[in-house]
Protein backbone atom coordinates (compact mmCIF):
# COMPACT_ATOMS: atom_id res chain seq x y z
CA MET A 1 10.40 -10.51 27.90
CA SER A 2 11.77 -13.95 27.06
CA ASN A 3 8.63 -14.84 25.13
CA ARG A 4 8.96 -11.69 23.06
CA ASN A 5 12.62 -12.33 22.30
CA SER A 6 11.99 -15.96 21.34
CA GLY A 7 9.17 -14.83 19.05
CA PHE A 8 11.49 -12.34 17.36
CA GLY A 9 14.12 -15.04 16.95
CA ALA A 10 11.64 -17.37 15.26
CA PHE A 11 10.44 -14.57 13.01
CA LEU A 12 14.01 -13.64 12.06
CA ALA A 13 14.89 -17.30 11.41
CA LEU A 14 11.89 -17.73 9.10
CA THR A 15 12.83 -14.57 7.20
CA VAL A 16 16.39 -15.85 6.68
CA VAL A 17 15.10 -19.23 5.48
CA VAL A 18 12.73 -17.56 3.00
CA VAL A 19 15.50 -15.32 1.62
CA ILE A 20 17.92 -18.26 1.25
CA ALA A 21 15.24 -20.36 -0.46
CA ALA A 22 14.51 -17.54 -2.89
CA LEU A 23 18.21 -17.18 -3.72
CA VAL A 24 18.59 -20.94 -4.26
CA ALA A 25 15.52 -20.97 -6.49
CA SER A 26 16.83 -18.06 -8.54
CA LEU A 27 20.22 -19.75 -8.97
CA ALA A 28 18.55 -22.98 -10.01
CA ALA A 29 16.32 -21.25 -12.57
CA PRO A 30 17.35 -21.54 -16.22
CA ASP A 31 19.26 -18.62 -17.67
CA ALA A 32 17.01 -16.87 -20.18
CA ASN A 33 20.11 -15.44 -21.87
CA GLY A 34 22.06 -18.71 -21.79
CA VAL A 35 22.30 -19.10 -25.57
CA ASP A 36 25.41 -20.32 -27.36
CA GLU A 37 25.30 -17.86 -30.27
CA ALA A 38 28.46 -19.34 -31.82
CA ALA A 39 26.86 -22.80 -31.98
CA LEU A 40 23.69 -21.38 -33.50
CA ALA A 41 25.67 -19.43 -36.10
CA ALA A 42 27.69 -22.54 -36.99
CA ALA A 43 24.50 -24.53 -37.48
CA ARG A 44 23.17 -21.86 -39.84
CA GLU A 45 26.22 -22.21 -42.10
CA ALA A 46 24.94 -25.65 -43.09
CA THR A 47 21.65 -24.11 -44.24
CA GLY A 48 23.14 -21.22 -46.16
CA GLY A 49 22.33 -18.75 -43.39
CA ALA A 50 18.69 -19.76 -42.88
CA GLN A 51 17.28 -20.43 -39.46
CA THR A 52 17.68 -23.91 -38.03
CA ARG A 53 15.77 -26.21 -35.74
CA GLU A 54 17.98 -25.01 -32.88
CA ASP A 55 16.91 -21.38 -33.49
CA ILE A 56 13.24 -22.32 -33.42
CA MET A 57 13.57 -24.45 -30.27
CA ALA A 58 15.52 -21.68 -28.50
CA ARG A 59 12.74 -19.16 -29.21
CA GLN A 60 10.08 -21.62 -28.07
CA ARG A 61 11.94 -22.00 -24.75
CA GLY A 62 11.74 -18.22 -24.34
CA LEU A 63 15.49 -17.70 -24.81
CA SER A 64 16.82 -14.46 -26.22
CA ILE A 65 18.72 -15.04 -29.47
CA ASP A 66 20.41 -12.74 -31.95
CA ASP A 67 18.03 -12.90 -34.92
CA THR A 68 19.54 -10.08 -36.95
CA PHE A 69 20.32 -12.72 -39.60
CA ARG A 70 16.55 -12.84 -40.17
CA SER A 71 15.48 -9.26 -39.45
CA SER A 72 18.02 -7.92 -41.94
CA ALA A 73 17.11 -10.43 -44.69
CA ILE A 74 14.23 -8.42 -46.13
CA GLY A 75 15.40 -8.14 -49.72
CA ASP A 76 16.43 -5.14 -51.79
CA PRO A 77 13.72 -3.59 -53.99
CA ALA A 78 16.40 -1.70 -55.94
CA ALA A 79 17.95 -5.01 -56.95
CA GLY A 80 14.85 -6.16 -58.80
CA ALA A 81 14.74 -6.71 -62.53
CA ALA A 82 13.30 -4.04 -64.79
CA PRO A 83 9.55 -4.32 -65.50
CA ASN A 84 10.22 -5.35 -69.12
CA GLN A 85 12.56 -8.17 -68.10
CA GLN A 86 11.85 -11.66 -66.82
CA LEU A 87 10.41 -11.58 -63.25
CA GLY A 88 10.56 -7.83 -63.39
CA THR A 89 7.08 -7.31 -61.95
CA LEU A 90 8.08 -9.22 -58.78
CA GLY A 91 10.70 -6.68 -57.75
CA GLY A 92 13.71 -7.56 -55.61
CA VAL A 93 11.81 -8.93 -52.61
CA SER A 94 10.64 -12.51 -52.31
CA ASP A 95 7.55 -13.54 -50.32
CA PRO A 96 9.56 -14.73 -47.28
CA GLU A 97 11.53 -11.49 -47.29
CA LEU A 98 8.32 -9.47 -47.46
CA TRP A 99 6.83 -11.33 -44.49
CA ARG A 100 10.04 -10.84 -42.51
CA ALA A 101 9.88 -7.10 -43.22
CA LEU A 102 6.28 -7.06 -41.98
CA ARG A 103 7.18 -9.05 -38.88
CA TYR A 104 10.08 -6.83 -37.90
CA ASN A 105 8.12 -3.64 -38.70
CA SER A 106 10.54 -2.47 -41.36
CA ALA A 107 8.21 -2.65 -44.38
CA ASP A 108 7.00 0.57 -45.99
CA ILE A 109 3.22 0.13 -45.82
CA ASN A 110 0.10 2.26 -45.74
CA ALA A 111 -3.11 1.15 -44.03
CA SER A 112 -6.62 2.39 -44.76
CA ALA A 113 -7.29 2.67 -41.01
CA ARG A 114 -5.72 5.59 -39.21
CA GLY A 115 -4.03 5.45 -35.85
CA PRO A 116 -0.60 5.08 -34.24
CA ALA A 117 -0.70 1.24 -34.28
CA THR A 118 -2.49 0.54 -37.56
CA ASN A 119 0.65 0.24 -39.67
CA VAL A 120 2.02 -2.59 -37.51
CA LEU A 121 0.58 -5.69 -39.18
CA ILE A 122 2.61 -8.34 -37.32
CA GLN A 123 3.83 -7.97 -33.76
CA ASP A 124 5.09 -11.28 -32.39
CA GLY A 125 6.40 -9.61 -29.25
CA GLY A 126 2.93 -10.13 -27.84
CA MET A 127 3.76 -13.75 -27.09
CA THR A 128 6.85 -12.70 -25.17
CA TRP A 129 4.71 -10.27 -23.19
CA LEU A 130 2.05 -12.91 -22.53
CA ASN A 131 4.61 -15.47 -21.33
CA PHE A 132 6.27 -12.92 -19.07
CA ARG A 133 2.89 -11.80 -17.70
CA GLU A 134 1.74 -15.33 -16.91
CA ASN A 135 5.00 -17.01 -15.88
CA ILE A 136 6.75 -14.15 -14.09
CA ILE A 137 4.37 -11.36 -13.08
CA ALA A 138 1.29 -13.44 -12.21
CA LYS A 139 3.29 -16.27 -10.63
CA TRP A 140 5.73 -14.32 -8.48
CA GLY A 141 3.31 -11.46 -7.81
CA GLY A 142 0.84 -13.97 -6.42
CA TRP A 143 3.51 -15.60 -4.27
CA LEU A 144 4.52 -12.16 -3.01
CA LEU A 145 1.00 -11.48 -1.71
CA VAL A 146 0.56 -14.98 -0.29
CA GLY A 147 4.01 -14.82 1.29
CA MET A 148 3.28 -11.46 2.89
CA ILE A 149 0.04 -12.74 4.39
CA GLY A 150 1.76 -15.92 5.61
CA LEU A 151 4.67 -13.98 7.11
CA LEU A 152 2.32 -11.63 8.96
CA GLY A 153 0.27 -14.58 10.18
CA PHE A 154 3.40 -16.25 11.52
CA PHE A 155 4.50 -12.98 13.10
CA TYR A 156 1.11 -12.59 14.80
CA LEU A 157 1.23 -16.14 16.19
CA THR A 158 4.76 -15.71 17.57
CA ARG A 159 4.70 -12.04 18.59
CA GLY A 160 1.06 -11.45 19.29
CA ARG A 161 -0.65 -8.10 19.28
CA VAL A 162 1.31 -5.02 20.34
CA PRO A 163 -0.58 -3.97 23.46
CA ILE A 164 -0.99 -0.67 25.24
CA ALA A 165 1.68 -1.46 27.82
CA GLY A 166 0.84 1.20 30.40
CA GLU A 167 -2.34 1.72 32.36
CA LYS A 168 -5.11 3.22 30.27
CA THR A 169 -6.22 6.67 31.33
CA GLY A 170 -9.72 6.65 29.87
CA ARG A 171 -8.99 10.02 28.26
CA LEU A 172 -9.21 10.36 24.48
CA VAL A 173 -7.09 12.56 22.25
CA LEU A 174 -8.19 13.70 18.79
CA ARG A 175 -5.65 12.31 16.35
CA PHE A 176 -7.34 12.71 12.97
CA GLY A 177 -10.22 15.03 12.14
CA SER A 178 -13.02 14.34 9.69
CA ILE A 179 -11.14 15.75 6.69
CA ASP A 180 -8.07 13.60 7.41
CA ARG A 181 -10.21 10.49 7.75
CA PHE A 182 -12.13 11.32 4.57
CA CYS A 183 -8.87 11.59 2.61
CA HIS A 184 -7.62 8.31 4.09
CA TRP A 185 -10.79 6.30 3.48
CA LEU A 186 -11.27 7.74 -0.01
CA THR A 187 -7.80 6.52 -0.90
CA ALA A 188 -8.10 3.24 1.00
CA SER A 189 -11.51 2.21 -0.38
CA SER A 190 -10.58 3.09 -3.96
CA PHE A 191 -7.27 1.23 -3.58
CA ILE A 192 -9.04 -1.90 -2.37
CA LEU A 193 -11.42 -1.78 -5.34
CA LEU A 194 -8.51 -1.24 -7.70
CA GLY A 195 -6.63 -4.16 -6.14
CA ILE A 196 -9.58 -6.57 -6.34
CA THR A 197 -10.49 -5.66 -9.92
CA GLY A 198 -6.84 -5.75 -10.95
CA LEU A 199 -6.45 -9.25 -9.50
CA ILE A 200 -9.59 -10.35 -11.37
CA SER A 201 -8.02 -9.08 -14.57
CA MET A 202 -4.78 -10.92 -13.82
CA TYR A 203 -6.13 -14.23 -12.51
CA GLY A 204 -9.72 -14.38 -13.72
CA ARG A 205 -9.10 -16.32 -16.92
CA PRO A 206 -6.95 -19.13 -15.47
CA TRP A 207 -8.76 -19.44 -12.11
CA LEU A 208 -12.33 -18.13 -12.23
CA ILE A 209 -13.64 -19.51 -15.53
CA SER A 210 -13.47 -23.08 -14.23
CA VAL A 211 -15.39 -22.02 -11.12
CA MET A 212 -18.08 -19.69 -12.44
CA GLY A 213 -18.19 -20.41 -16.17
CA LYS A 214 -17.23 -18.31 -19.18
CA GLU A 215 -20.34 -16.12 -19.38
CA ALA A 216 -20.36 -15.19 -15.69
CA HIS A 217 -16.63 -14.51 -15.84
CA ALA A 218 -17.11 -12.34 -18.94
CA ASP A 219 -19.65 -10.20 -17.07
CA LEU A 220 -17.38 -10.01 -14.01
CA ALA A 221 -14.36 -9.07 -16.12
CA HIS A 222 -16.38 -6.42 -17.98
CA TRP A 223 -17.62 -4.72 -14.82
CA SER A 224 -14.22 -5.08 -13.16
CA LYS A 225 -12.63 -3.18 -16.04
CA LEU A 226 -15.23 -0.40 -15.82
CA ILE A 227 -14.83 -0.13 -12.04
CA HIS A 228 -11.04 -0.22 -12.27
CA ASN A 229 -10.91 2.57 -14.83
CA SER A 230 -13.51 4.74 -13.07
CA VAL A 231 -12.34 4.35 -9.46
CA SER A 232 -8.78 5.22 -10.47
CA PHE A 233 -9.73 8.91 -10.53
CA ALA A 234 -10.96 8.74 -6.92
CA PHE A 235 -7.65 7.13 -5.97
CA ILE A 236 -5.68 9.87 -7.70
CA LEU A 237 -7.69 12.53 -5.86
CA GLY A 238 -7.20 10.77 -2.53
CA VAL A 239 -3.44 10.51 -2.95
CA ILE A 240 -3.16 14.18 -3.86
CA LEU A 241 -5.22 15.20 -0.81
CA ILE A 242 -3.18 12.97 1.50
CA PHE A 243 0.05 14.44 0.17
CA LEU A 244 -1.14 18.01 0.68
CA LYS A 245 -2.49 17.27 4.17
CA TRP A 246 0.36 15.22 5.60
CA VAL A 247 3.58 15.97 3.76
CA ARG A 248 4.70 18.51 6.38
CA PHE A 249 4.43 15.85 9.09
CA ASN A 250 6.48 13.30 7.12
CA ILE A 251 9.75 15.17 6.75
CA PRO A 252 12.51 12.89 8.18
CA ASN A 253 14.39 14.01 11.29
CA MET A 254 16.82 12.61 13.86
CA ASN A 255 14.03 11.07 15.93
CA ASP A 256 13.36 8.74 13.02
CA LEU A 257 16.86 7.28 13.31
CA ARG A 258 16.30 6.59 16.99
CA TRP A 259 12.95 4.98 16.16
CA LEU A 260 14.48 2.77 13.49
CA ARG A 261 17.36 1.75 15.75
CA VAL A 262 14.92 -0.02 18.07
CA MET A 263 12.38 -0.85 15.34
CA GLY A 264 9.81 1.28 17.09
CA GLY A 265 9.66 -1.15 20.00
CA LEU A 266 7.79 -3.59 17.78
CA PHE A 267 9.55 -6.56 19.37
CA ASP A 268 9.68 -5.28 22.95
CA ASP A 269 6.68 -3.87 24.80
CA SER A 270 8.90 -1.92 27.20
CA ILE A 271 10.53 0.20 24.47
CA HIS A 272 8.68 3.34 23.34
CA PRO A 273 10.89 5.61 21.22
CA PRO A 274 9.72 9.23 20.91
CA ALA A 275 7.92 10.21 17.72
CA GLY A 276 5.93 13.10 16.34
CA LYS A 277 2.57 12.86 14.59
CA PHE A 278 4.05 10.17 12.32
CA ASN A 279 6.87 7.85 13.33
CA ALA A 280 9.64 6.60 11.03
CA GLY A 281 7.68 3.52 9.98
CA GLN A 282 4.68 5.62 9.00
CA LYS A 283 6.92 8.03 7.11
CA ILE A 284 8.35 5.13 5.13
CA ILE A 285 4.80 4.05 4.30
CA PHE A 286 3.86 7.62 3.32
CA TRP A 287 6.74 8.14 0.89
CA SER A 288 6.41 4.60 -0.44
CA VAL A 289 2.73 5.28 -1.14
CA MET A 290 3.69 8.44 -3.00
CA LEU A 291 6.32 6.60 -5.06
CA MET A 292 4.09 3.61 -5.82
CA SER A 293 1.16 5.89 -6.60
CA ALA A 294 3.25 7.85 -9.09
CA GLY A 295 4.19 4.58 -10.80
CA VAL A 296 0.71 3.06 -11.00
CA VAL A 297 -0.95 6.36 -11.93
CA ALA A 298 1.52 7.22 -14.70
CA THR A 299 1.36 3.76 -16.24
CA GLY A 300 -2.38 3.52 -15.59
CA ILE A 301 -3.13 6.72 -17.47
CA SER A 302 -0.98 5.50 -20.35
CA LEU A 303 -3.01 2.27 -20.46
CA LEU A 304 -6.28 4.16 -20.09
CA LEU A 305 -5.34 6.32 -23.10
CA PRO A 306 -3.47 3.79 -25.26
CA PHE A 307 -0.92 4.84 -27.86
CA ARG A 308 -0.97 8.46 -26.67
CA PHE A 309 2.26 8.45 -24.65
CA ALA A 310 5.38 6.73 -26.04
CA VAL A 311 7.65 6.91 -23.01
CA MET A 312 8.91 3.37 -22.35
CA GLY A 313 11.49 3.55 -25.15
CA ASP A 314 12.91 6.78 -23.68
CA ILE A 315 12.96 5.26 -20.18
CA PHE A 316 14.73 2.15 -21.46
CA ALA A 317 17.29 4.34 -23.25
CA TRP A 318 17.93 6.21 -20.00
CA VAL A 319 18.35 2.95 -18.07
CA ASN A 320 20.75 1.65 -20.72
CA GLY A 321 22.68 4.91 -20.55
CA ILE A 322 23.43 4.65 -16.83
CA GLY A 323 24.46 1.01 -17.29
CA VAL A 324 22.72 -0.32 -14.21
CA LEU A 325 21.65 -3.56 -15.93
CA SER A 326 25.23 -4.44 -16.84
CA TRP A 327 26.06 -4.52 -13.12
CA PHE A 328 23.88 -7.62 -12.83
CA GLY A 329 24.99 -9.22 -16.08
CA PHE A 330 21.96 -8.22 -18.17
CA GLY A 331 22.00 -6.76 -21.67
CA ASP A 332 20.46 -3.50 -22.80
CA LEU A 333 16.71 -3.00 -22.96
CA PRO A 334 15.07 -2.48 -26.38
CA VAL A 335 14.58 1.18 -27.24
CA HIS A 336 12.91 1.05 -30.67
CA LEU A 337 9.43 -0.11 -29.70
CA SER A 338 6.29 -0.51 -31.74
CA PRO A 339 3.13 1.11 -30.33
CA GLN A 340 1.94 -2.32 -29.17
CA GLU A 341 5.24 -2.98 -27.40
CA GLU A 342 4.94 0.37 -25.63
CA MET A 343 1.61 -0.77 -24.17
CA GLN A 344 2.92 -4.23 -23.30
CA TYR A 345 5.91 -2.90 -21.37
CA THR A 346 3.70 -0.29 -19.73
CA GLN A 347 1.34 -3.04 -18.53
CA ILE A 348 4.27 -4.99 -17.09
CA VAL A 349 5.57 -1.97 -15.18
CA HIS A 350 2.02 -1.19 -14.00
CA ALA A 351 1.63 -4.74 -12.67
CA VAL A 352 5.01 -4.70 -10.90
CA PHE A 353 4.16 -1.45 -9.12
CA ALA A 354 0.70 -2.78 -8.26
CA PHE A 355 1.95 -6.02 -6.69
CA LEU A 356 4.60 -4.23 -4.63
CA PHE A 357 1.98 -1.66 -3.59
CA MET A 358 -0.52 -4.33 -2.50
CA ALA A 359 2.11 -6.25 -0.53
CA MET A 360 3.08 -3.09 1.34
CA ILE A 361 -0.54 -2.13 2.06
CA ILE A 362 -1.26 -5.63 3.42
CA GLY A 363 1.41 -4.95 6.04
CA HIS A 364 -0.05 -1.50 6.68
CA ILE A 365 -3.54 -2.96 7.17
CA TYR A 366 -2.17 -5.59 9.54
CA ILE A 367 -0.42 -3.15 11.87
CA GLY A 368 -3.45 -0.84 11.85
CA THR A 369 -5.93 -3.58 12.79
CA LEU A 370 -4.78 -6.89 14.28
CA GLY A 371 -1.18 -5.94 14.86
CA MET A 372 -1.53 -3.10 17.36
CA GLU A 373 -4.06 -2.37 20.05
CA GLY A 374 -5.72 1.01 19.68
CA ALA A 375 -4.26 1.77 16.25
CA PHE A 376 -7.50 1.42 14.27
CA ASP A 377 -9.29 3.97 16.46
CA ALA A 378 -7.11 6.71 14.96
CA MET A 379 -8.81 6.28 11.59
CA GLY A 380 -12.01 4.72 12.89
CA THR A 381 -13.30 7.38 15.26
CA GLY A 382 -10.42 9.82 15.01
CA TYR A 383 -9.73 9.58 18.76
CA VAL A 384 -7.05 7.50 20.50
CA GLU A 385 -6.41 6.52 24.09
CA GLU A 386 -4.02 9.01 25.69
CA GLN A 387 -1.72 6.23 26.91
CA TRP A 388 -1.50 4.84 23.36
CA ALA A 389 -0.47 8.28 22.12
CA ARG A 390 2.09 8.58 24.91
CA GLU A 391 3.69 5.24 24.01
CA HIS A 392 3.76 5.64 20.24
CA HIS A 393 3.71 9.39 19.54
CA SER A 394 4.94 11.08 22.70
CA ILE A 395 6.31 14.20 20.98
CA TRP A 396 3.03 14.77 19.17
CA LEU A 397 1.06 14.26 22.40
CA GLU A 398 3.14 16.90 24.16
CA GLU A 399 2.50 19.31 21.31
CA VAL A 400 -1.26 18.66 21.56
CA LYS A 401 -1.22 19.25 25.32
CA ALA A 402 0.84 22.41 24.89
CA ASP A 403 -1.74 23.73 22.42
CA GLU A 404 -4.54 22.89 24.86
CA ARG A 405 -2.79 24.74 27.69
CA ALA A 406 -2.17 27.75 25.45
CA ALA A 407 -5.85 27.81 24.47
CA GLN A 408 -7.02 27.89 28.09
CA PRO A 409 -7.77 31.39 29.38
CA ALA A 410 -5.38 32.68 32.01
CA GLU A 411 -6.84 32.82 35.56
């Protein structure tokens, strides 16, 4: 028992250290909104209201500045001279004002091509999206996955594998039938393919080109995209089947509170809280999978059919309306988005859901393989050792035995 407790203490200490380090790092990070607007405005007075070197440097550092002084300076066509007067054919808009109108998507233009994004000639928000994707999503998403693997590795070294504590009976109990296992492995295999191909899309250019060359990477990226888009439908089907098959077993009840109070006995081999077919931890995984799946599927379909669904602006307006961002000192999200910006924000949300999803599933894979003795058999063969079922799902085991007794003919 002392070894188990010391292992838990080390694990808890590491978790606290990681959390504190993350908080310190976030406090030390530069404030993206830390712009002295008054100083910038004062500097513009010396230029007659034009942008200054300080404005340009602030944008290059990725800081958010109030650039309405530029976006609103797009000229006035009605103020132009008459055609028969000097400069009359030039109208009331200068070349710089015309380019600003194009940049801020306020120019009245018609394009020969047809489509929802064809009238947007300049969209400099793409650089903001690219910087956020590379410096925030890719960086911290990668550290999330590496950190999860490292944390589980440390936990395994200090805690070890959760064993079957009691004496094995040699009797097997059917836990999952062939249909259940088909639904699980359909979802699991498609998710793994989606995760691998998604990571290739995220990290292939900066990491793989130097290893395998541009042409080989181009082929890999091409096939990864095709696989990612095609396998997504198998994943959607698997999630729907899993929901229909298992939702009735994942309704929370009072036994879940008892299970959570002792963390399912994860840190003490002598503790075995009662649980039905799914314990509280598995129910958390189930509903998290449903939530994450809804996020990645909704954003994934929007990316698969670009420019068809303009929803991010409405979602941002709803978030601004409830004021949740102001609680943390952030400003409102943009609500008037170009078609390209809709896709860029959708890709960011898709990536956030995907990284959180993968981190959670890494933990799920660990506990179902290395982390717990006998757990993989449930989805491997469908049968589990009776003692394993008694220790981890005692209520369910009693229900199975009651059904077996009821099915036996009376003597």
